[in-house]
Amino acid sequence: MKIAKPPFDFDRFRLIVAAALPCRHLKAAIRRKIDARGRTRLRKQCRECGSPLPGEVKHREAGQPLTRFRFWDAAAQTRFWRIYYPVAEAARCSINFERSDEWWRQYVQYLHSPEWAVRSRACIEAAHGVCVKCRRRTAIQAHHASYDRVGKENPDDLEAVCLECHKSFHGGSFR
């Protein structure tokens, strides 16, 4: 049983952010912007919220001299980012929390499986029933030294530990 965190759902992220932001960027304007090398670039910017829109406009496609386009509205773009970043961060955190919850659900299910019981028992037997951390108490659990291969662990991924030492690995508590 291989346990993996579900992939990040970018489509859902975009939907959450779009629903939270009032502007739909229907009023795009071509603006001129000076890049880091000092060259004039043409980009689209929403006239309502200041959002930079994807893609560069080629000079020849613009059909007008560069001087006919207004300069980039940096203040409007800053106002847009001040709204966008907190919304995007909240959406990202929400999606990642759900992904983490799903991973933990699968992990707990795995820890109750016969497959884990065999691996855990083999780990404890390989340590001769002694905790590998304190070397004093009886090992009663297998601790994941690495969570990279949960469900398909290598023997080196597990350590036989007593309950007290296992708690110390996890900051005094288990999830």
N, C-alpha and C. Protein backbone atom coordinates (compact mmCIF):
# COMPACT_ATOMS: atom_id res chain seq x y z
N MET A 1 0.86 -1.18 0.00
CA MET A 1 0.00 0.00 0.00
C MET A 1 0.89 1.23 0.00
N LYS A 2 0.90 1.97 -1.09
CA LYS A 2 1.69 3.20 -1.19
C LYS A 2 0.80 4.37 -0.81
N ILE A 3 1.31 5.20 0.07
CA ILE A 3 0.56 6.37 0.52
C ILE A 3 1.22 7.61 -0.06
N ALA A 4 0.43 8.44 -0.68
CA ALA A 4 0.96 9.67 -1.27
C ALA A 4 -0.03 10.80 -1.06
N LYS A 5 0.51 11.99 -0.85
CA LYS A 5 -0.35 13.16 -0.72
C LYS A 5 -0.94 13.45 -2.10
N PRO A 6 -2.24 13.70 -2.18
CA PRO A 6 -2.85 14.02 -3.48
C PRO A 6 -2.19 15.25 -4.10
N PRO A 7 -2.17 15.35 -5.42
CA PRO A 7 -1.56 16.51 -6.07
C PRO A 7 -2.35 17.79 -5.75
N PHE A 8 -1.66 18.90 -5.84
CA PHE A 8 -2.30 20.20 -5.61
C PHE A 8 -3.29 20.45 -6.74
N ASP A 9 -4.51 20.84 -6.41
CA ASP A 9 -5.57 21.06 -7.38
C ASP A 9 -5.56 22.52 -7.85
N PHE A 10 -4.79 22.79 -8.92
CA PHE A 10 -4.67 24.17 -9.42
C PHE A 10 -5.98 24.70 -9.97
N ASP A 11 -6.77 23.84 -10.59
CA ASP A 11 -8.07 24.31 -11.11
C ASP A 11 -8.96 24.80 -9.98
N ARG A 12 -9.01 24.04 -8.90
CA ARG A 12 -9.81 24.45 -7.74
C ARG A 12 -9.26 25.74 -7.13
N PHE A 13 -7.92 25.84 -7.07
CA PHE A 13 -7.27 27.05 -6.55
C PHE A 13 -7.72 28.27 -7.37
N ARG A 14 -7.68 28.14 -8.70
CA ARG A 14 -8.08 29.26 -9.56
C ARG A 14 -9.55 29.62 -9.35
N LEU A 15 -10.40 28.60 -9.18
CA LEU A 15 -11.82 28.88 -8.95
C LEU A 15 -12.06 29.61 -7.64
N ILE A 16 -11.36 29.20 -6.59
CA ILE A 16 -11.51 29.86 -5.28
C ILE A 16 -11.06 31.31 -5.37
N VAL A 17 -9.91 31.53 -5.98
CA VAL A 17 -9.37 32.90 -6.10
C VAL A 17 -10.29 33.75 -6.96
N ALA A 18 -10.76 33.20 -8.09
CA ALA A 18 -11.64 33.96 -8.98
C ALA A 18 -12.94 34.33 -8.28
N ALA A 19 -13.46 33.41 -7.47
CA ALA A 19 -14.72 33.68 -6.76
C ALA A 19 -14.53 34.77 -5.70
N ALA A 20 -13.33 34.83 -5.13
CA ALA A 20 -13.08 35.80 -4.05
C ALA A 20 -12.71 37.19 -4.56
N LEU A 21 -12.24 37.27 -5.78
CA LEU A 21 -11.85 38.58 -6.34
C LEU A 21 -13.00 39.13 -7.18
N PRO A 22 -13.33 40.40 -6.99
CA PRO A 22 -14.49 40.96 -7.67
C PRO A 22 -14.30 41.19 -9.17
N CYS A 23 -13.09 41.47 -9.62
CA CYS A 23 -12.86 41.85 -11.01
C CYS A 23 -12.70 40.62 -11.90
N ARG A 24 -13.28 40.67 -13.09
CA ARG A 24 -13.15 39.59 -14.07
C ARG A 24 -12.22 39.99 -15.23
N HIS A 25 -11.56 41.12 -15.09
CA HIS A 25 -10.56 41.61 -16.06
C HIS A 25 -11.13 41.74 -17.48
N LEU A 26 -12.33 42.30 -17.57
CA LEU A 26 -12.97 42.45 -18.86
C LEU A 26 -12.50 43.69 -19.61
N LYS A 27 -11.90 44.61 -18.89
CA LYS A 27 -11.45 45.85 -19.52
C LYS A 27 -9.93 45.89 -19.56
N ALA A 28 -9.36 45.18 -20.52
CA ALA A 28 -7.91 45.13 -20.66
C ALA A 28 -7.43 46.27 -21.56
N ALA A 29 -6.30 46.80 -21.20
CA ALA A 29 -5.68 47.86 -22.00
C ALA A 29 -4.22 47.49 -22.23
N ILE A 30 -3.74 47.81 -23.41
CA ILE A 30 -2.33 47.58 -23.70
C ILE A 30 -1.55 48.76 -23.10
N ARG A 31 -0.56 48.42 -22.31
CA ARG A 31 0.27 49.44 -21.66
C ARG A 31 1.73 49.19 -22.01
N ARG A 32 2.50 50.24 -21.93
CA ARG A 32 3.94 50.04 -22.14
C ARG A 32 4.65 50.00 -20.81
N LYS A 33 5.62 49.11 -20.77
CA LYS A 33 6.33 48.84 -19.53
C LYS A 33 7.81 48.71 -19.88
N ILE A 34 8.66 49.23 -19.04
CA ILE A 34 10.09 49.15 -19.26
C ILE A 34 10.62 47.94 -18.49
N ASP A 35 11.31 47.03 -19.18
CA ASP A 35 11.82 45.84 -18.51
C ASP A 35 13.16 46.12 -17.83
N ALA A 36 13.74 45.11 -17.23
CA ALA A 36 14.98 45.27 -16.46
C ALA A 36 16.15 45.72 -17.33
N ARG A 37 16.09 45.44 -18.61
CA ARG A 37 17.17 45.85 -19.52
C ARG A 37 16.93 47.23 -20.15
N GLY A 38 15.83 47.86 -19.76
CA GLY A 38 15.53 49.19 -20.27
C GLY A 38 14.76 49.16 -21.58
N ARG A 39 14.28 48.01 -22.02
CA ARG A 39 13.52 47.90 -23.26
C ARG A 39 12.04 48.11 -22.99
N THR A 40 11.37 48.71 -23.95
CA THR A 40 9.93 48.93 -23.84
C THR A 40 9.20 47.66 -24.26
N ARG A 41 8.31 47.23 -23.40
CA ARG A 41 7.49 46.04 -23.66
C ARG A 41 6.02 46.45 -23.61
N LEU A 42 5.21 45.76 -24.37
CA LEU A 42 3.77 45.99 -24.33
C LEU A 42 3.11 44.81 -23.64
N ARG A 43 2.30 45.11 -22.62
CA ARG A 43 1.60 44.08 -21.86
C ARG A 43 0.17 44.55 -21.65
N LYS A 44 -0.70 43.62 -21.40
CA LYS A 44 -2.08 43.96 -21.09
C LYS A 44 -2.25 44.09 -19.59
N GLN A 45 -3.02 45.11 -19.20
CA GLN A 45 -3.32 45.35 -17.79
C GLN A 45 -4.80 45.67 -17.68
N CYS A 46 -5.44 45.10 -16.67
CA CYS A 46 -6.86 45.38 -16.44
C CYS A 46 -7.00 46.83 -15.98
N ARG A 47 -7.89 47.57 -16.65
CA ARG A 47 -8.08 48.97 -16.29
C ARG A 47 -8.86 49.14 -14.99
N GLU A 48 -9.61 48.12 -14.59
CA GLU A 48 -10.41 48.22 -13.37
C GLU A 48 -9.60 47.92 -12.11
N CYS A 49 -8.85 46.81 -12.13
CA CYS A 49 -8.19 46.39 -10.89
C CYS A 49 -6.66 46.51 -10.93
N GLY A 50 -6.08 46.68 -12.11
CA GLY A 50 -4.63 46.81 -12.21
C GLY A 50 -3.89 45.50 -12.38
N SER A 51 -4.61 44.41 -12.50
CA SER A 51 -3.97 43.10 -12.65
C SER A 51 -3.18 43.01 -13.95
N PRO A 52 -1.96 42.48 -13.88
CA PRO A 52 -1.25 42.20 -15.12
C PRO A 52 -1.88 40.96 -15.76
N LEU A 53 -2.15 41.02 -17.03
CA LEU A 53 -2.77 39.90 -17.73
C LEU A 53 -1.69 39.14 -18.50
N PRO A 54 -1.88 37.84 -18.71
CA PRO A 54 -0.81 37.04 -19.30
C PRO A 54 -0.51 37.41 -20.74
N GLY A 55 0.74 37.19 -21.09
CA GLY A 55 1.17 37.36 -22.47
C GLY A 55 1.70 38.75 -22.77
N GLU A 56 2.62 38.77 -23.70
CA GLU A 56 3.19 40.04 -24.16
C GLU A 56 2.59 40.35 -25.52
N VAL A 57 2.36 41.63 -25.79
CA VAL A 57 1.84 42.06 -27.09
C VAL A 57 3.03 42.49 -27.93
N LYS A 58 3.14 41.91 -29.12
CA LYS A 58 4.24 42.27 -30.02
C LYS A 58 4.00 43.68 -30.57
N HIS A 59 5.09 44.41 -30.75
CA HIS A 59 4.98 45.80 -31.22
C HIS A 59 4.23 45.87 -32.55
N ARG A 60 4.57 44.96 -33.46
CA ARG A 60 3.94 45.03 -34.79
C ARG A 60 2.45 44.67 -34.71
N GLU A 61 2.04 43.84 -33.75
CA GLU A 61 0.63 43.49 -33.59
C GLU A 61 -0.16 44.65 -33.01
N ALA A 62 0.49 45.51 -32.28
CA ALA A 62 -0.20 46.64 -31.66
C ALA A 62 -0.71 47.62 -32.71
N GLY A 63 0.02 47.73 -33.82
CA GLY A 63 -0.44 48.56 -34.93
C GLY A 63 -0.33 50.06 -34.70
N GLN A 64 0.32 50.48 -33.62
CA GLN A 64 0.48 51.90 -33.34
C GLN A 64 1.89 52.14 -32.80
N PRO A 65 2.36 53.36 -32.90
CA PRO A 65 3.67 53.66 -32.30
C PRO A 65 3.61 53.45 -30.78
N LEU A 66 4.72 53.06 -30.18
CA LEU A 66 4.78 52.79 -28.74
C LEU A 66 4.34 53.98 -27.91
N THR A 67 4.66 55.16 -28.38
CA THR A 67 4.33 56.37 -27.61
C THR A 67 2.82 56.61 -27.49
N ARG A 68 2.02 55.92 -28.29
CA ARG A 68 0.57 56.08 -28.23
C ARG A 68 -0.06 55.32 -27.04
N PHE A 69 0.73 54.44 -26.43
CA PHE A 69 0.21 53.65 -25.31
C PHE A 69 0.60 54.30 -23.99
N ARG A 70 -0.34 54.25 -23.05
CA ARG A 70 -0.06 54.79 -21.72
C ARG A 70 0.97 53.90 -21.02
N PHE A 71 1.63 54.51 -20.02
CA PHE A 71 2.59 53.74 -19.22
C PHE A 71 1.85 52.81 -18.28
N TRP A 72 2.53 51.78 -17.88
CA TRP A 72 2.03 50.79 -16.94
C TRP A 72 1.62 51.46 -15.64
N ASP A 73 0.46 51.10 -15.11
CA ASP A 73 -0.03 51.68 -13.86
C ASP A 73 0.46 50.82 -12.69
N ALA A 74 1.64 51.15 -12.19
CA ALA A 74 2.27 50.37 -11.12
C ALA A 74 1.48 50.47 -9.81
N ALA A 75 0.88 51.62 -9.54
CA ALA A 75 0.11 51.79 -8.31
C ALA A 75 -1.12 50.88 -8.32
N ALA A 76 -1.79 50.80 -9.46
CA ALA A 76 -2.96 49.91 -9.58
C ALA A 76 -2.55 48.46 -9.43
N GLN A 77 -1.40 48.10 -10.00
CA GLN A 77 -0.91 46.72 -9.87
C GLN A 77 -0.60 46.40 -8.41
N THR A 78 -0.01 47.32 -7.69
CA THR A 78 0.29 47.13 -6.27
C THR A 78 -0.99 46.93 -5.47
N ARG A 79 -2.02 47.75 -5.76
CA ARG A 79 -3.31 47.57 -5.08
C ARG A 79 -3.89 46.19 -5.36
N PHE A 80 -3.76 45.71 -6.61
CA PHE A 80 -4.26 44.39 -6.97
C PHE A 80 -3.53 43.30 -6.16
N TRP A 81 -2.19 43.37 -6.11
CA TRP A 81 -1.43 42.33 -5.39
C TRP A 81 -1.77 42.33 -3.90
N ARG A 82 -2.06 43.50 -3.33
CA ARG A 82 -2.42 43.57 -1.91
C ARG A 82 -3.73 42.83 -1.62
N ILE A 83 -4.60 42.75 -2.60
CA ILE A 83 -5.84 41.99 -2.45
C ILE A 83 -5.60 40.52 -2.81
N TYR A 84 -4.89 40.30 -3.91
CA TYR A 84 -4.71 38.94 -4.45
C TYR A 84 -3.93 38.03 -3.51
N TYR A 85 -2.79 38.49 -3.00
CA TYR A 85 -1.92 37.60 -2.22
C TYR A 85 -2.60 37.00 -0.98
N PRO A 86 -3.30 37.76 -0.16
CA PRO A 86 -3.97 37.13 1.00
C PRO A 86 -5.04 36.11 0.57
N VAL A 87 -5.78 36.42 -0.49
CA VAL A 87 -6.80 35.50 -0.98
C VAL A 87 -6.15 34.21 -1.48
N ALA A 88 -5.09 34.36 -2.27
CA ALA A 88 -4.39 33.20 -2.83
C ALA A 88 -3.76 32.36 -1.71
N GLU A 89 -3.20 33.01 -0.71
CA GLU A 89 -2.59 32.29 0.41
C GLU A 89 -3.63 31.49 1.19
N ALA A 90 -4.78 32.09 1.42
CA ALA A 90 -5.86 31.39 2.13
C ALA A 90 -6.34 30.19 1.32
N ALA A 91 -6.47 30.34 0.02
CA ALA A 91 -6.89 29.23 -0.84
C ALA A 91 -5.85 28.13 -0.83
N ARG A 92 -4.58 28.51 -0.94
CA ARG A 92 -3.49 27.53 -0.93
C ARG A 92 -3.47 26.75 0.38
N CYS A 93 -3.60 27.45 1.50
CA CYS A 93 -3.60 26.80 2.81
C CYS A 93 -4.78 25.84 2.95
N SER A 94 -5.94 26.24 2.50
CA SER A 94 -7.12 25.40 2.59
C SER A 94 -6.94 24.11 1.79
N ILE A 95 -6.46 24.23 0.57
CA ILE A 95 -6.25 23.05 -0.28
C ILE A 95 -5.18 22.16 0.31
N ASN A 96 -4.09 22.75 0.79
CA ASN A 96 -3.02 21.94 1.37
C ASN A 96 -3.44 21.26 2.66
N PHE A 97 -4.31 21.91 3.44
CA PHE A 97 -4.82 21.29 4.66
C PHE A 97 -5.62 20.04 4.31
N GLU A 98 -6.46 20.15 3.29
CA GLU A 98 -7.24 18.99 2.85
C GLU A 98 -6.34 17.89 2.31
N ARG A 99 -5.28 18.26 1.58
CA ARG A 99 -4.34 17.26 1.07
C ARG A 99 -3.65 16.55 2.22
N SER A 100 -3.26 17.31 3.23
CA SER A 100 -2.60 16.73 4.39
C SER A 100 -3.56 15.82 5.15
N ASP A 101 -4.80 16.25 5.31
CA ASP A 101 -5.81 15.42 5.98
C ASP A 101 -5.99 14.09 5.26
N GLU A 102 -6.00 14.13 3.94
CA GLU A 102 -6.17 12.90 3.16
C GLU A 102 -4.97 11.97 3.37
N TRP A 103 -3.76 12.55 3.39
CA TRP A 103 -2.56 11.74 3.62
C TRP A 103 -2.64 11.07 5.00
N TRP A 104 -3.01 11.84 6.03
CA TRP A 104 -3.10 11.29 7.38
C TRP A 104 -4.18 10.21 7.47
N ARG A 105 -5.29 10.40 6.76
CA ARG A 105 -6.34 9.39 6.75
C ARG A 105 -5.80 8.07 6.20
N GLN A 106 -5.08 8.16 5.08
CA GLN A 106 -4.49 6.96 4.47
C GLN A 106 -3.44 6.35 5.39
N TYR A 107 -2.66 7.20 6.04
CA TYR A 107 -1.59 6.72 6.92
C TYR A 107 -2.16 5.96 8.11
N VAL A 108 -3.20 6.49 8.75
CA VAL A 108 -3.82 5.82 9.89
C VAL A 108 -4.43 4.49 9.44
N GLN A 109 -5.04 4.49 8.27
CA GLN A 109 -5.59 3.24 7.72
C GLN A 109 -4.46 2.22 7.52
N TYR A 110 -3.33 2.67 7.01
CA TYR A 110 -2.18 1.79 6.81
C TYR A 110 -1.66 1.24 8.13
N LEU A 111 -1.59 2.09 9.18
CA LEU A 111 -1.09 1.64 10.48
C LEU A 111 -1.98 0.57 11.12
N HIS A 112 -3.21 0.44 10.65
CA HIS A 112 -4.11 -0.59 11.16
C HIS A 112 -4.18 -1.81 10.23
N SER A 113 -3.32 -1.83 9.22
CA SER A 113 -3.36 -2.92 8.25
C SER A 113 -2.47 -4.09 8.67
N PRO A 114 -2.75 -5.28 8.19
CA PRO A 114 -1.89 -6.43 8.46
C PRO A 114 -0.49 -6.23 7.86
N GLU A 115 -0.42 -5.54 6.75
CA GLU A 115 0.86 -5.24 6.11
C GLU A 115 1.79 -4.47 7.07
N TRP A 116 1.24 -3.44 7.75
CA TRP A 116 2.04 -2.67 8.70
C TRP A 116 2.42 -3.53 9.91
N ALA A 117 1.52 -4.36 10.35
CA ALA A 117 1.81 -5.22 11.51
C ALA A 117 3.02 -6.11 11.23
N VAL A 118 3.11 -6.65 10.02
CA VAL A 118 4.25 -7.50 9.64
C VAL A 118 5.53 -6.67 9.61
N ARG A 119 5.49 -5.50 8.99
CA ARG A 119 6.70 -4.64 8.90
C ARG A 119 7.15 -4.18 10.28
N SER A 120 6.20 -3.75 11.09
CA SER A 120 6.51 -3.26 12.43
C SER A 120 7.14 -4.38 13.27
N ARG A 121 6.54 -5.54 13.23
CA ARG A 121 7.05 -6.68 13.99
C ARG A 121 8.47 -7.04 13.53
N ALA A 122 8.71 -7.04 12.22
CA ALA A 122 10.03 -7.36 11.68
C ALA A 122 11.07 -6.33 12.14
N CYS A 123 10.69 -5.07 12.19
CA CYS A 123 11.59 -4.01 12.64
C CYS A 123 11.98 -4.22 14.10
N ILE A 124 11.00 -4.51 14.94
CA ILE A 124 11.25 -4.71 16.37
C ILE A 124 12.10 -5.96 16.60
N GLU A 125 11.82 -7.01 15.84
CA GLU A 125 12.62 -8.24 15.96
C GLU A 125 14.06 -8.01 15.52
N ALA A 126 14.26 -7.21 14.47
CA ALA A 126 15.61 -6.93 13.98
C ALA A 126 16.42 -6.17 15.04
N ALA A 127 15.75 -5.40 15.90
CA ALA A 127 16.42 -4.66 16.98
C ALA A 127 16.47 -5.49 18.26
N HIS A 128 16.07 -6.75 18.18
CA HIS A 128 16.05 -7.66 19.32
C HIS A 128 15.19 -7.14 20.47
N GLY A 129 14.14 -6.38 20.09
CA GLY A 129 13.18 -5.91 21.08
C GLY A 129 13.67 -4.78 21.97
N VAL A 130 14.80 -4.15 21.61
CA VAL A 130 15.37 -3.07 22.43
C VAL A 130 15.25 -1.75 21.66
N CYS A 131 14.85 -0.70 22.36
CA CYS A 131 14.72 0.63 21.76
C CYS A 131 16.06 1.09 21.20
N VAL A 132 16.07 1.51 19.93
CA VAL A 132 17.33 1.92 19.29
C VAL A 132 17.77 3.32 19.73
N LYS A 133 16.89 4.08 20.39
CA LYS A 133 17.27 5.41 20.83
C LYS A 133 17.87 5.39 22.25
N CYS A 134 17.11 4.88 23.20
CA CYS A 134 17.60 4.92 24.59
C CYS A 134 18.39 3.66 24.97
N ARG A 135 18.17 2.57 24.23
CA ARG A 135 18.85 1.29 24.46
C ARG A 135 18.61 0.73 25.88
N ARG A 136 17.54 1.18 26.54
CA ARG A 136 17.21 0.68 27.89
C ARG A 136 15.86 -0.01 27.94
N ARG A 137 14.89 0.60 27.30
CA ARG A 137 13.53 0.09 27.40
C ARG A 137 13.20 -0.86 26.25
N THR A 138 12.11 -1.56 26.42
CA THR A 138 11.64 -2.50 25.40
C THR A 138 11.00 -1.73 24.25
N ALA A 139 11.43 -2.08 23.03
CA ALA A 139 10.83 -1.47 21.84
C ALA A 139 9.46 -2.08 21.62
N ILE A 140 8.45 -1.23 21.51
CA ILE A 140 7.09 -1.74 21.30
C ILE A 140 6.44 -1.17 20.03
N GLN A 141 7.15 -0.22 19.38
CA GLN A 141 6.61 0.40 18.17
C GLN A 141 7.71 0.58 17.14
N ALA A 142 7.29 0.69 15.88
CA ALA A 142 8.23 1.03 14.81
C ALA A 142 7.98 2.49 14.43
N HIS A 143 9.05 3.26 14.38
CA HIS A 143 8.97 4.69 14.05
C HIS A 143 9.48 4.89 12.63
N HIS A 144 8.77 5.70 11.85
CA HIS A 144 9.23 6.03 10.50
C HIS A 144 10.34 7.08 10.60
N ALA A 145 11.57 6.67 10.30
CA ALA A 145 12.67 7.63 10.24
C ALA A 145 12.53 8.47 8.98
N SER A 146 11.88 7.93 7.97
CA SER A 146 11.61 8.64 6.72
C SER A 146 10.18 8.31 6.28
N TYR A 147 9.47 9.33 5.85
CA TYR A 147 8.10 9.14 5.37
C TYR A 147 8.04 9.12 3.85
N ASP A 148 9.21 9.09 3.21
CA ASP A 148 9.26 9.13 1.74
C ASP A 148 8.62 7.92 1.09
N ARG A 149 8.73 6.76 1.73
CA ARG A 149 8.25 5.52 1.12
C ARG A 149 7.21 4.83 2.01
N VAL A 150 6.38 5.59 2.67
CA VAL A 150 5.37 5.00 3.56
C VAL A 150 4.50 4.04 2.74
N GLY A 151 4.39 2.83 3.23
CA GLY A 151 3.65 1.79 2.53
C GLY A 151 4.54 0.88 1.72
N LYS A 152 5.73 1.35 1.39
CA LYS A 152 6.73 0.56 0.65
C LYS A 152 8.10 0.80 1.29
N GLU A 153 8.14 0.78 2.63
CA GLU A 153 9.34 1.13 3.37
C GLU A 153 10.51 0.18 3.10
N ASN A 154 11.70 0.74 3.11
CA ASN A 154 12.92 -0.05 3.19
C ASN A 154 13.16 -0.33 4.67
N PRO A 155 13.89 -1.37 5.00
CA PRO A 155 14.17 -1.64 6.42
C PRO A 155 14.82 -0.45 7.14
N ASP A 156 15.63 0.33 6.42
CA ASP A 156 16.29 1.49 7.04
C ASP A 156 15.34 2.64 7.33
N ASP A 157 14.13 2.59 6.78
CA ASP A 157 13.15 3.66 7.01
C ASP A 157 12.48 3.55 8.38
N LEU A 158 12.63 2.40 9.04
CA LEU A 158 11.95 2.16 10.31
C LEU A 158 12.94 1.96 11.44
N GLU A 159 12.56 2.42 12.64
CA GLU A 159 13.37 2.25 13.85
C GLU A 159 12.49 1.70 14.95
N ALA A 160 12.98 0.69 15.65
CA ALA A 160 12.25 0.11 16.78
C ALA A 160 12.46 1.01 17.99
N VAL A 161 11.36 1.46 18.60
CA VAL A 161 11.47 2.41 19.71
C VAL A 161 10.47 2.08 20.82
N CYS A 162 10.79 2.55 22.02
CA CYS A 162 9.85 2.47 23.14
C CYS A 162 8.87 3.64 23.01
N LEU A 163 7.81 3.62 23.77
CA LEU A 163 6.78 4.66 23.68
C LEU A 163 7.34 6.04 24.03
N GLU A 164 8.16 6.13 25.09
CA GLU A 164 8.71 7.42 25.51
C GLU A 164 9.59 8.03 24.41
N CYS A 165 10.46 7.21 23.83
CA CYS A 165 11.34 7.73 22.77
C CYS A 165 10.54 8.08 21.51
N HIS A 166 9.50 7.31 21.22
CA HIS A 166 8.67 7.61 20.06
C HIS A 166 8.00 8.97 20.23
N LYS A 167 7.51 9.24 21.44
CA LYS A 167 6.90 10.55 21.70
C LYS A 167 7.92 11.67 21.52
N SER A 168 9.17 11.44 21.94
CA SER A 168 10.20 12.48 21.80
C SER A 168 10.49 12.77 20.33
N PHE A 169 10.38 11.78 19.45
CA PHE A 169 10.58 12.00 18.02
C PHE A 169 9.51 12.94 17.46
N HIS A 170 8.32 12.88 18.05
CA HIS A 170 7.19 13.65 17.54
C HIS A 170 6.84 14.84 18.43
N GLY A 171 7.76 15.31 19.19
CA GLY A 171 7.53 16.49 20.01
C GLY A 171 6.58 16.25 21.17
N GLY A 172 6.55 15.04 21.68
CA GLY A 172 5.73 14.75 22.85
C GLY A 172 4.34 14.27 22.56
N SER A 173 3.95 14.25 21.29
CA SER A 173 2.60 13.79 20.99
C SER A 173 2.56 13.16 19.61
N PHE A 174 1.50 12.43 19.39
CA PHE A 174 1.25 11.87 18.07
C PHE A 174 0.02 12.57 17.51
N ARG A 175 -0.09 12.61 16.22
CA ARG A 175 -1.26 13.21 15.60
C ARG A 175 -2.42 12.29 15.76
